[in-house]
Protein backbone atom coordinates (compact mmCIF):
# COMPACT_ATOMS: atom_id res chain seq x y z
CA UNK A 1 -10.36 -73.66 -7.24
CA UNK A 2 -7.84 -71.49 -9.07
CA UNK A 3 -10.39 -70.62 -11.77
CA UNK A 4 -12.97 -69.81 -9.09
CA UNK A 5 -10.45 -67.55 -7.39
CA UNK A 6 -9.68 -65.80 -10.66
CA UNK A 7 -13.38 -65.40 -11.38
CA UNK A 8 -13.93 -63.98 -7.90
CA UNK A 9 -11.04 -61.53 -8.31
CA UNK A 10 -12.42 -60.39 -11.66
CA UNK A 11 -15.84 -59.90 -10.11
CA UNK A 12 -14.31 -57.85 -7.28
CA UNK A 13 -12.37 -55.68 -9.73
CA UNK A 14 -15.42 -55.21 -11.93
CA UNK A 15 -17.57 -54.31 -8.91
CA UNK A 16 -14.99 -51.81 -7.67
CA UNK A 17 -14.82 -50.29 -11.13
CA UNK A 18 -18.59 -49.94 -11.29
CA UNK A 19 -18.66 -48.41 -7.81
CA UNK A 20 -15.95 -45.90 -8.80
CA UNK A 21 -17.84 -45.01 -11.99
CA UNK A 22 -21.05 -44.50 -10.03
CA UNK A 23 -19.21 -42.40 -7.44
CA UNK A 24 -17.76 -40.28 -10.23
CA UNK A 25 -21.20 -39.96 -11.81
CA UNK A 26 -22.67 -39.05 -8.43
CA UNK A 27 -19.93 -36.50 -7.83
CA UNK A 28 -20.57 -34.90 -11.21
CA UNK A 29 -24.29 -34.88 -10.52
CA UNK A 30 -23.65 -33.17 -7.17
CA UNK A 31 -21.40 -30.60 -8.81
CA UNK A 32 -23.99 -30.00 -11.51
CA UNK A 33 -26.71 -29.59 -8.88
CA UNK A 34 -24.53 -27.17 -6.93
CA UNK A 35 -23.75 -25.24 -10.09
CA UNK A 36 -27.42 -25.02 -11.02
CA UNK A 37 -28.28 -23.87 -7.50
CA UNK A 38 -25.55 -21.21 -7.66
CA UNK A 39 -26.79 -20.05 -11.07
CA UNK A 40 -30.34 -19.84 -9.78
CA UNK A 41 -29.16 -17.86 -6.77
CA UNK A 42 -27.17 -15.45 -8.97
CA UNK A 43 -30.08 -15.14 -11.35
CA UNK A 44 -32.40 -14.34 -8.46
CA UNK A 45 -29.96 -11.73 -7.19
CA UNK A 46 -29.63 -10.19 -10.66
CA UNK A 47 -33.40 -10.07 -11.04
CA UNK A 48 -33.72 -8.49 -7.61
CA UNK A 49 -31.08 -5.89 -8.48
CA UNK A 50 -32.74 -5.24 -11.83
CA UNK A 51 -36.10 -4.77 -10.13
CA UNK A 52 -34.58 -2.31 -7.68
CA UNK A 53 -32.89 -0.41 -10.54
CA UNK A 54 -36.17 -0.28 -12.44
CA UNK A 55 -37.94 1.06 -9.37
CA UNK A 56 -35.29 3.73 -8.83
CA UNK A 57 -35.28 4.68 -12.50
CA UNK A 58 -39.04 4.92 -12.61
CA UNK A 59 -39.06 7.07 -9.47
CA UNK A 60 -36.35 9.31 -10.95
CA UNK A 61 -38.25 9.68 -14.20
CA UNK A 62 -41.43 10.50 -12.33
CA UNK A 63 -39.59 13.09 -10.24
CA UNK A 64 -38.05 14.61 -13.35
CA UNK A 65 -41.41 14.66 -15.06
CA UNK A 66 -42.95 16.46 -12.09
CA UNK A 67 -40.16 18.99 -11.49
CA UNK A 68 -38.04 19.44 -14.59
CA UNK A 69 -40.25 18.81 -17.63
CA UNK A 70 -42.25 22.07 -17.84
CA UNK A 71 -44.49 23.01 -20.75
CA UNK A 72 -42.77 24.31 -23.88
CA UNK A 73 -42.15 28.08 -23.81
CA UNK A 74 -42.09 28.23 -20.02
CA UNK A 75 -38.42 27.36 -19.50
CA UNK A 76 -36.18 29.99 -17.97
CA UNK A 77 -33.59 30.80 -20.59
CA UNK A 78 -30.38 32.52 -19.49
CA UNK A 79 -27.73 33.35 -22.05
CA UNK A 80 -24.56 35.25 -21.51
CA UNK A 81 -24.50 38.62 -23.22
CA UNK A 82 -28.25 38.90 -23.59
CA UNK A 83 -30.19 41.14 -21.25
CA UNK A 84 -33.66 40.21 -20.23
CA UNK A 85 -36.22 42.65 -21.60
CA UNK A 86 -37.97 44.84 -19.09
CA UNK A 87 -41.59 45.56 -19.46
CA UNK A 88 -42.48 49.05 -20.72
CA UNK A 89 -44.34 51.37 -18.32
CA UNK A 90 -48.02 51.37 -18.77
CA UNK A 91 -49.47 54.84 -19.44
CA UNK A 92 -52.80 55.54 -17.97
CA UNK A 93 -55.26 57.42 -20.18
CA UNK A 94 -55.67 61.13 -19.44
CA UNK A 95 -59.17 62.39 -19.04
CA UNK A 96 -59.85 65.31 -21.32
CA UNK A 97 -61.55 68.28 -19.70
CA UNK A 98 -64.93 69.45 -20.80
CA UNK A 99 -65.27 71.69 -23.83
CA UNK A 100 -66.01 74.77 -21.82
CA UNK A 101 -62.89 74.24 -19.73
CA UNK A 102 -60.81 73.44 -22.80
CA UNK A 103 -61.86 76.66 -24.38
CA UNK A 104 -60.82 78.57 -21.32
CA UNK A 105 -57.09 79.21 -20.99
CA UNK A 106 -55.60 77.58 -17.86
CA UNK A 107 -54.30 79.72 -15.14
CA UNK A 108 -50.72 79.63 -14.12
CA UNK A 109 -51.14 77.74 -10.77
CA UNK A 110 -53.26 75.05 -12.41
CA UNK A 111 -50.64 74.48 -15.10
CA UNK A 112 -47.99 73.94 -12.45
CA UNK A 113 -50.11 71.47 -10.52
CA UNK A 114 -50.87 69.40 -13.64
CA UNK A 115 -47.20 69.17 -14.57
CA UNK A 116 -46.28 68.04 -11.05
CA UNK A 117 -48.94 65.30 -11.14
CA UNK A 118 -47.66 64.01 -14.50
CA UNK A 119 -44.09 63.84 -13.23
CA UNK A 120 -45.20 61.86 -10.11
CA UNK A 121 -47.17 59.38 -12.21
CA UNK A 122 -44.24 58.77 -14.57
CA UNK A 123 -41.90 58.24 -11.62
CA UNK A 124 -44.25 55.68 -10.05
CA UNK A 125 -44.50 53.79 -13.34
CA UNK A 126 -40.74 53.66 -13.66
CA UNK A 127 -40.13 52.55 -10.04
CA UNK A 128 -42.81 49.81 -9.96
CA UNK A 129 -41.52 46.58 -11.63
CA UNK A 130 -43.98 44.29 -13.41
CA UNK A 131 -45.02 41.05 -11.65
CA UNK A 132 -43.21 37.83 -12.80
CA UNK A 133 -45.73 35.32 -14.23
CA UNK A 134 -43.14 32.49 -14.40
CA UNK A 135 -44.26 30.57 -11.29
CA UNK A 136 -47.88 30.44 -12.35
CA UNK A 137 -46.92 29.44 -15.89
CA UNK A 138 -44.76 26.53 -14.60
CA UNK A 139 -47.19 25.22 -11.98
CA UNK A 140 -50.08 24.60 -14.34
CA UNK A 141 -48.19 22.33 -16.87
CA UNK A 142 -46.55 20.29 -14.05
CA UNK A 143 -49.88 19.60 -12.40
CA UNK A 144 -51.39 18.66 -15.73
CA UNK A 145 -48.50 16.25 -16.49
CA UNK A 146 -48.81 14.60 -13.07
CA UNK A 147 -52.49 14.03 -13.63
CA UNK A 148 -51.76 12.56 -17.06
CA UNK A 149 -49.06 10.30 -15.62
CA UNK A 150 -51.40 9.00 -12.94
CA UNK A 151 -54.13 8.38 -15.50
CA UNK A 152 -52.12 6.35 -18.02
CA UNK A 153 -54.40 4.10 -20.03
CA UNK A 154 -52.76 0.69 -20.57
CA UNK A 155 -55.42 -0.26 -23.08
CA UNK A 156 -54.40 2.34 -25.62
CA UNK A 157 -52.58 0.88 -28.65
CA UNK A 158 -48.81 0.69 -28.35
CA UNK A 159 -46.46 1.54 -31.19
CA UNK A 160 -44.67 -1.14 -33.20
CA UNK A 161 -41.13 -0.24 -32.10
CA UNK A 162 -39.86 0.37 -28.55
CA UNK A 163 -38.24 3.63 -29.68
CA UNK A 164 -41.65 5.11 -30.39
CA UNK A 165 -42.88 4.64 -26.82
CA UNK A 166 -43.71 7.76 -24.93
CA UNK A 167 -42.43 8.43 -21.44
CA UNK A 168 -45.85 7.72 -19.96
CA UNK A 169 -46.21 4.39 -21.79
CA UNK A 170 -42.72 3.25 -20.89
CA UNK A 171 -43.25 4.12 -17.23
CA UNK A 172 -46.59 2.32 -17.21
CA UNK A 173 -45.08 -0.81 -18.80
CA UNK A 174 -42.29 -0.91 -16.25
CA UNK A 175 -44.71 -0.47 -13.40
CA UNK A 176 -46.87 -3.30 -14.75
CA UNK A 177 -43.82 -5.56 -15.06
CA UNK A 178 -42.91 -4.93 -11.46
CA UNK A 179 -46.45 -5.66 -10.37
CA UNK A 180 -46.43 -8.92 -12.35
CA UNK A 181 -43.11 -10.04 -10.90
CA UNK A 182 -43.96 -9.20 -7.31
CA UNK A 183 -46.01 -12.42 -6.72
CA UNK A 184 -43.25 -14.54 -8.29
CA UNK A 185 -40.69 -12.96 -6.02
CA UNK A 186 -42.84 -13.57 -2.98
CA UNK A 187 -43.46 -17.19 -4.02
CA UNK A 188 -39.73 -17.87 -4.43
CA UNK A 189 -39.02 -16.42 -1.00
CA UNK A 190 -41.77 -18.58 0.50
CA UNK A 191 -40.36 -21.72 -1.15
CA UNK A 192 -36.86 -20.95 0.12
CA UNK A 193 -38.20 -20.48 3.62
CA UNK A 194 -40.16 -23.74 3.35
CA UNK A 195 -37.16 -25.94 2.46
CA UNK A 196 -34.55 -24.24 4.62
CA UNK A 197 -35.19 -26.60 7.54
CA UNK A 198 -34.77 -29.70 5.33
CA UNK A 199 -31.59 -28.36 3.71
CA UNK A 200 -30.14 -27.64 7.13
CA UNK A 201 -31.00 -31.19 8.19
CA UNK A 202 -28.84 -32.76 5.45
CA UNK A 203 -25.60 -33.51 7.29
CA UNK A 204 -24.05 -35.97 4.80
CA UNK A 205 -24.82 -35.10 1.17
CA UNK A 206 -22.02 -37.34 -0.16
CA UNK A 207 -21.77 -41.12 -0.59
CA UNK A 208 -20.34 -43.29 2.18
CA UNK A 209 -20.48 -46.99 3.01
CA UNK A 210 -21.55 -46.28 6.58
CA UNK A 211 -25.23 -46.31 7.38
CA UNK A 212 -27.11 -43.06 7.68
CA UNK A 213 -28.75 -42.04 10.92
CA UNK A 214 -32.49 -42.41 11.29
CA UNK A 215 -32.90 -38.66 11.55
CA UNK A 216 -31.14 -38.25 8.19
CA UNK A 217 -33.34 -40.87 6.51
CA UNK A 218 -36.48 -39.32 7.95
CA UNK A 219 -35.37 -35.87 6.79
CA UNK A 220 -34.82 -37.11 3.22
CA UNK A 221 -38.18 -38.90 3.24
CA UNK A 222 -40.11 -35.85 4.45
CA UNK A 223 -38.22 -33.57 2.04
CA UNK A 224 -39.11 -35.80 -0.91
CA UNK A 225 -42.76 -36.01 0.13
CA UNK A 226 -42.94 -32.22 0.32
CA UNK A 227 -41.43 -31.70 -3.13
CA UNK A 228 -43.56 -34.44 -4.71
CA UNK A 229 -46.70 -32.72 -3.42
CA UNK A 230 -45.64 -29.55 -5.25
CA UNK A 231 -45.84 -31.47 -8.57
CA UNK A 232 -42.71 -29.76 -9.92
CA UNK A 233 -41.15 -32.58 -11.97
CA UNK A 234 -37.67 -31.11 -12.73
CA UNK A 235 -37.19 -30.01 -9.14
CA UNK A 236 -38.33 -33.42 -7.85
CA UNK A 237 -35.94 -35.30 -10.15
CA UNK A 238 -33.00 -33.17 -9.03
CA UNK A 239 -33.85 -33.81 -5.38
CA UNK A 240 -34.12 -37.57 -5.98
CA UNK A 241 -30.71 -37.61 -7.64
CA UNK A 242 -29.25 -35.69 -4.69
CA UNK A 243 -30.88 -38.10 -2.26
CA UNK A 244 -29.61 -41.22 -4.03
CA UNK A 245 -26.03 -40.01 -3.73
CA UNK A 246 -26.12 -40.34 0.04
CA UNK A 247 -28.80 -43.11 0.15
CA UNK A 248 -27.50 -45.30 -2.70
CA UNK A 249 -27.73 -48.52 -0.65
CA UNK A 250 -31.30 -47.95 0.56
CA UNK A 251 -33.80 -49.86 -1.55
CA UNK A 252 -36.79 -47.84 -0.35
CA UNK A 253 -35.58 -44.59 -1.91
CA UNK A 254 -34.94 -46.30 -5.26
CA UNK A 255 -38.45 -47.77 -5.20
CA UNK A 256 -39.88 -44.35 -4.35
CA UNK A 257 -37.99 -42.78 -7.26
CA UNK A 258 -39.17 -45.54 -9.60
CA UNK A 259 -42.81 -45.16 -8.56
CA UNK A 260 -42.58 -41.41 -9.15
CA UNK A 261 -40.93 -41.73 -12.56
CA UNK A 262 -43.16 -44.60 -13.72
CA UNK A 263 -46.09 -42.23 -14.22
CA UNK A 264 -43.92 -39.80 -16.25
CA UNK A 265 -41.43 -41.67 -18.44
CA UNK A 266 -41.22 -45.45 -18.90
CA UNK A 267 -37.81 -45.39 -20.58
CA UNK A 268 -36.29 -43.32 -17.80
CA UNK A 269 -37.85 -45.71 -15.28
CA UNK A 270 -36.11 -48.63 -16.98
CA UNK A 271 -32.78 -46.78 -16.77
CA UNK A 272 -33.31 -46.17 -13.05
CA UNK A 273 -34.04 -49.87 -12.52
CA UNK A 274 -30.82 -50.79 -14.32
CA UNK A 275 -28.73 -48.35 -12.28
CA UNK A 276 -30.19 -49.67 -9.04
CA UNK A 277 -29.92 -53.39 -9.79
CA UNK A 278 -26.67 -53.53 -11.73
CA UNK A 279 -24.60 -51.13 -9.61
CA UNK A 280 -25.92 -50.44 -6.12
CA UNK A 281 -28.43 -53.14 -5.12
CA UNK A 282 -26.88 -56.24 -6.67
CA UNK A 283 -28.12 -58.50 -3.85
CA UNK A 284 -31.62 -57.12 -3.34
CA UNK A 285 -34.09 -59.64 -4.80
CA UNK A 286 -37.25 -57.54 -4.40
CA UNK A 287 -36.17 -54.73 -6.73
CA UNK A 288 -34.89 -57.29 -9.28
CA UNK A 289 -38.27 -59.04 -9.28
CA UNK A 290 -39.98 -55.67 -9.63
CA UNK A 291 -37.72 -54.78 -12.57
CA UNK A 292 -38.43 -58.12 -14.28
CA UNK A 293 -42.20 -57.65 -13.86
CA UNK A 294 -41.94 -54.08 -15.20
CA UNK A 295 -40.05 -55.15 -18.31
CA UNK A 296 -42.28 -58.19 -18.89
CA UNK A 297 -45.33 -55.95 -18.75
CA UNK A 298 -43.78 -53.72 -21.42
CA UNK A 299 -42.93 -56.76 -23.57
CA UNK A 300 -39.14 -56.61 -23.06
CA UNK A 301 -38.68 -60.30 -22.24
CA UNK A 302 -34.91 -60.27 -22.80
CA UNK A 303 -34.40 -57.49 -20.26
CA UNK A 304 -36.68 -59.33 -17.81
CA UNK A 305 -34.57 -62.49 -18.22
CA UNK A 306 -31.43 -60.40 -17.73
CA UNK A 307 -32.74 -59.02 -14.44
CA UNK A 308 -33.68 -62.46 -13.10
CA UNK A 309 -30.43 -64.07 -14.25
CA UNK A 310 -28.45 -61.28 -12.58
CA UNK A 311 -29.99 -61.82 -9.14
CA UNK A 312 -29.90 -65.63 -9.59
CA UNK A 313 -26.16 -65.49 -10.16
CA UNK A 314 -25.61 -63.08 -7.29
CA UNK A 315 -27.80 -65.02 -4.84
CA UNK A 316 -28.36 -68.55 -6.24
CA UNK A 317 -31.11 -70.78 -4.91
CA UNK A 318 -33.75 -68.18 -4.07
CA UNK A 319 -37.15 -69.84 -4.41
CA UNK A 320 -38.98 -66.66 -5.48
CA UNK A 321 -36.45 -65.95 -8.23
CA UNK A 322 -36.54 -69.50 -9.62
CA UNK A 323 -40.33 -69.57 -9.60
CA UNK A 324 -40.41 -66.20 -11.38
CA UNK A 325 -37.97 -67.43 -14.03
CA UNK A 326 -40.05 -70.56 -14.67
CA UNK A 327 -43.24 -68.49 -14.75
CA UNK A 328 -41.69 -66.02 -17.20
CA UNK A 329 -40.82 -68.84 -19.61
CA UNK A 330 -44.26 -70.39 -19.21
CA UNK A 331 -46.03 -67.10 -19.94
CA UNK A 332 -43.83 -66.47 -22.95
CA UNK A 333 -44.67 -69.90 -24.42
CA UNK A 334 -41.47 -71.75 -23.50
CA UNK A 335 -43.11 -74.36 -21.26
CA UNK A 336 -40.35 -76.94 -21.57
CA UNK A 337 -37.67 -74.38 -20.70
CA UNK A 338 -39.58 -73.46 -17.55
CA UNK A 339 -39.65 -77.13 -16.56
CA UNK A 340 -35.90 -77.37 -17.14
CA UNK A 341 -35.35 -74.45 -14.74
CA UNK A 342 -37.26 -76.28 -11.99
CA UNK A 343 -35.48 -79.55 -12.70
CA UNK A 344 -32.14 -77.79 -12.44
CA UNK A 345 -33.25 -76.34 -9.10
CA UNK A 346 -33.93 -79.89 -7.85
CA UNK A 347 -30.43 -80.99 -8.83
CA UNK A 348 -28.68 -77.98 -7.28
CA UNK A 349 -30.66 -77.68 -4.05
CA UNK A 350 -29.29 -78.65 -0.67
CA UNK A 351 -31.36 -80.05 2.14
CA UNK A 352 -34.17 -82.57 2.17
CA UNK A 353 -36.99 -80.10 2.77
CA UNK A 354 -35.91 -77.84 -0.09
CA UNK A 355 -35.58 -80.83 -2.39
CA UNK A 356 -39.04 -82.09 -1.48
CA UNK A 357 -40.46 -78.64 -2.12
CA UNK A 358 -39.00 -78.47 -5.64
CA UNK A 359 -40.09 -82.05 -6.42
CA UNK A 360 -43.68 -81.18 -5.57
CA UNK A 361 -43.48 -77.95 -7.58
CA UNK A 362 -42.03 -79.73 -10.59
CA UNK A 363 -44.70 -82.44 -10.51
CA UNK A 364 -47.42 -79.80 -10.33
CA UNK A 365 -45.78 -77.93 -13.22
CA UNK A 366 -45.72 -81.08 -15.36
CA UNK A 367 -49.31 -81.92 -14.48
CA UNK A 368 -50.94 -78.46 -14.81
CA UNK A 369 -48.70 -76.39 -17.11
CA UNK A 370 -47.28 -79.07 -19.40
CA UNK A 371 -50.46 -81.22 -19.27
CA UNK A 372 -48.21 -84.30 -19.14
CA UNK A 373 -49.51 -86.61 -16.40
CA UNK A 374 -47.39 -89.53 -17.58
CA UNK A 375 -44.17 -87.49 -17.23
CA UNK A 376 -45.22 -86.40 -13.74
CA UNK A 377 -46.04 -90.02 -12.77
CA UNK A 378 -42.72 -91.35 -14.07
CA UNK A 379 -40.79 -88.60 -12.30
CA UNK A 380 -42.49 -89.40 -8.99
CA UNK A 381 -41.81 -93.09 -9.37
CA UNK A 382 -38.13 -92.35 -10.03
CA UNK A 383 -37.94 -90.27 -6.88
CA UNK A 384 -39.69 -93.00 -4.88
CA UNK A 385 -37.18 -95.56 -6.13
CA UNK A 386 -34.39 -93.34 -4.85
CA UNK A 387 -36.01 -92.81 -1.48
CA UNK A 388 -38.60 -95.44 -0.52
CA UNK A 389 -39.11 -94.01 2.95
CA UNK A 390 -40.55 -90.69 1.88
CA UNK A 391 -44.18 -90.38 2.89
CA UNK A 392 -44.89 -87.19 0.95
CA UNK A 393 -43.83 -88.74 -2.37
CA UNK A 394 -46.33 -91.56 -1.98
CA UNK A 395 -49.06 -89.14 -0.95
CA UNK A 396 -48.33 -86.94 -3.98
CA UNK A 397 -48.46 -89.95 -6.30
CA UNK A 398 -51.90 -90.85 -4.94
CA UNK A 399 -53.10 -87.26 -5.39
CA UNK A 400 -51.80 -87.32 -8.96
CA UNK A 401 -53.79 -90.44 -9.78
CA UNK A 402 -56.92 -89.08 -8.10
CA UNK A 403 -56.71 -85.71 -9.89
CA UNK A 404 -55.38 -86.75 -13.26
CA UNK A 405 -58.38 -85.23 -15.04
CA UNK A 406 -60.47 -88.35 -15.67
CA UNK A 407 -64.12 -88.42 -14.60
CA UNK A 408 -63.64 -91.71 -12.71
CA UNK A 409 -60.32 -92.55 -11.04
CA UNK A 410 -58.61 -95.78 -12.04
CA UNK A 411 -59.30 -97.82 -8.89
CA UNK A 412 -57.04 -100.72 -9.93
CA UNK A 413 -54.02 -98.45 -10.44
CA UNK A 414 -54.64 -96.60 -7.19
CA UNK A 415 -55.10 -99.86 -5.20
CA UNK A 416 -51.80 -101.07 -6.70
CA UNK A 417 -50.13 -97.91 -5.39
CA UNK A 418 -51.63 -98.52 -1.94
CA UNK A 419 -50.34 -102.09 -1.93
CA UNK A 420 -46.88 -100.85 -2.94
CA UNK A 421 -46.91 -98.32 -0.08
CA UNK A 422 -47.87 -101.01 2.46
CA UNK A 423 -44.86 -103.09 1.38
CA UNK A 424 -42.41 -100.16 1.28
CA UNK A 425 -39.87 -99.08 3.85
CA UNK A 426 -42.17 -96.62 5.61
CA UNK A 427 -42.74 -96.83 9.34
CA UNK A 428 -45.58 -98.91 10.77
CA UNK A 429 -47.57 -95.86 11.83
CA UNK A 430 -47.29 -94.32 8.35
CA UNK A 431 -48.39 -97.60 6.73
CA UNK A 432 -51.38 -97.83 9.06
CA UNK A 433 -52.41 -94.33 7.98
CA UNK A 434 -52.24 -95.28 4.31
CA UNK A 435 -54.24 -98.46 5.05
CA UNK A 436 -57.03 -96.37 6.55
CA UNK A 437 -56.92 -94.07 3.54
CA UNK A 438 -57.21 -97.15 1.25
CA UNK A 439 -60.43 -98.15 3.00
CA UNK A 440 -61.87 -94.68 2.47
CA UNK A 441 -60.96 -94.71 -1.22
CA UNK A 442 -62.51 -98.15 -1.81
CA UNK A 443 -65.71 -97.13 -0.07
CA UNK A 444 -66.01 -94.08 -2.35
CA UNK A 445 -64.69 -95.37 -5.70
CA UNK A 446 -64.31 -99.17 -5.39
CA UNK A 447 -66.00 -101.38 -8.02
CA UNK A 448 -65.41 -104.78 -6.44
CA UNK A 449 -66.93 -105.68 -3.04
CA UNK A 450 -64.50 -108.52 -2.54
CA UNK A 451 -61.61 -106.05 -2.75
CA UNK A 452 -63.29 -103.90 -0.10
CA UNK A 453 -63.77 -106.90 2.21
CA UNK A 454 -60.16 -108.00 1.71
CA UNK A 455 -58.94 -104.50 2.53
CA UNK A 456 -60.99 -104.42 5.73
CA UNK A 457 -59.66 -107.83 6.78
CA UNK A 458 -56.07 -106.75 6.15
CA UNK A 459 -56.59 -103.47 7.99
CA UNK A 460 -58.18 -105.11 11.06
CA UNK A 461 -55.54 -107.81 11.18
CA UNK A 462 -52.38 -105.75 10.67
CA UNK A 463 -52.99 -102.03 11.14
CA UNK A 464 -56.01 -101.29 13.34
CA UNK A 465 -54.28 -102.19 16.60
CA UNK A 466 -51.42 -99.86 15.70
CA UNK A 467 -53.83 -96.97 15.10
CA UNK A 468 -55.66 -97.75 18.36
CA UNK A 469 -52.40 -97.73 20.32
CA UNK A 470 -51.46 -94.44 18.70
CA UNK A 471 -54.81 -92.89 19.68
CA UNK A 472 -54.41 -94.15 23.27
CA UNK A 473 -50.94 -92.63 23.51
CA UNK A 474 -52.22 -89.29 22.25
CA UNK A 475 -55.11 -89.46 24.76
CA UNK A 476 -52.75 -90.25 27.65
CA UNK A 477 -50.51 -87.33 26.67
CA UNK A 478 -53.50 -84.98 26.61
CA UNK A 479 -54.75 -86.18 30.02
CA UNK A 480 -51.27 -85.74 31.49
CA UNK A 481 -51.17 -82.13 30.32
CA UNK A 482 -54.58 -81.22 31.82
CA UNK A 483 -53.34 -80.78 35.47
CA UNK A 484 -50.56 -78.54 34.25
CA UNK A 485 -53.08 -76.25 32.61
């Protein structure tokens, strides 16, 4: 008792240590997930800010190109100390008079009039300033540059170095980058909007021994189904790890995670099985059996044995686990070891029905798997010697002799078994049933007519009246129940 208590205390300490390690691992996983989410959020904000800066810079460059970058030679240059040149007056040509008039000497009034006209023309030339062609000269290059900017050809060959890019090419590349990133930005916003309701529905993202509410479990289930449909493996794995922090004791979520990972990575699936069975679900037989079948299918028989031994020690006596262990040994070629497992189950079982079940299973194993009918017969006879009032043992011994594999049953050996049953400690009704079965056997397989006649005489003398009384009682009971119906 003291050693059992020490063993129990060590198991409790080891279990608490494993739980603490898993909690620490879960906490680190949660922190890592939160850190990754924060980094993604910051990265999205930085990309958004960068996009906005690129848009503003491109708009500023376009505005500068349209307003400030005039054609060469059209800039307005102003320098201190330098006066702008004024345009010289344009002299109109003077019409020469005809030859006759030139030969004639001008009169005095005409000379005065001509001098006055010349002075007026010179004064008008001096007063009138020349028109400034600057506005027209600037407008034409700006319009031409705008047209060129709007007609940038992205198919033209780009230079090898970024420094050799022209303003038009750089602006076109930036615009194309923004156009390419616009759908990604819209998709990310749509995904955030799609999962917002599920994220808001997670009320307990941490581990606790208390059960989760049904609404929480349904929210996790629907959230996982949504992400799995997206076929984004890294995102799905992160969500499963988050889910299994809060739902560590729920076998269904582990099975769902395993089924998802099984199609992607077998090694990772094996690790998930080990985490679930060895730490969280130590008393869940279904997932242990599933782990053992998974490892046996991959050829890892030692790991399969480890899984079955672990659940057998945690919950001893489970029929499904013992049958799986015996089957594993039989399939791996260790037939005798599988029989030893069943024999040990017979010795350790409690209760008559459970013991009878394992006796029948062991006899069938010896007969069919080991192909050792003699061992099965001897084992049944040993059990009958221990308990001579067990009807099922006698019936199983008869079935063994009838189905031992021979073309013709050994009638003498089977009749000897019937005679032994009729002299055993069974009840009278049970013996009468076996006597009737003996008659049927002799009619079908008997070789000696005298033995058949002797069996009929014994049955009519000792057992027929008992069977008739039993039938009458059953008939009376049925007739008594008819009025009640």
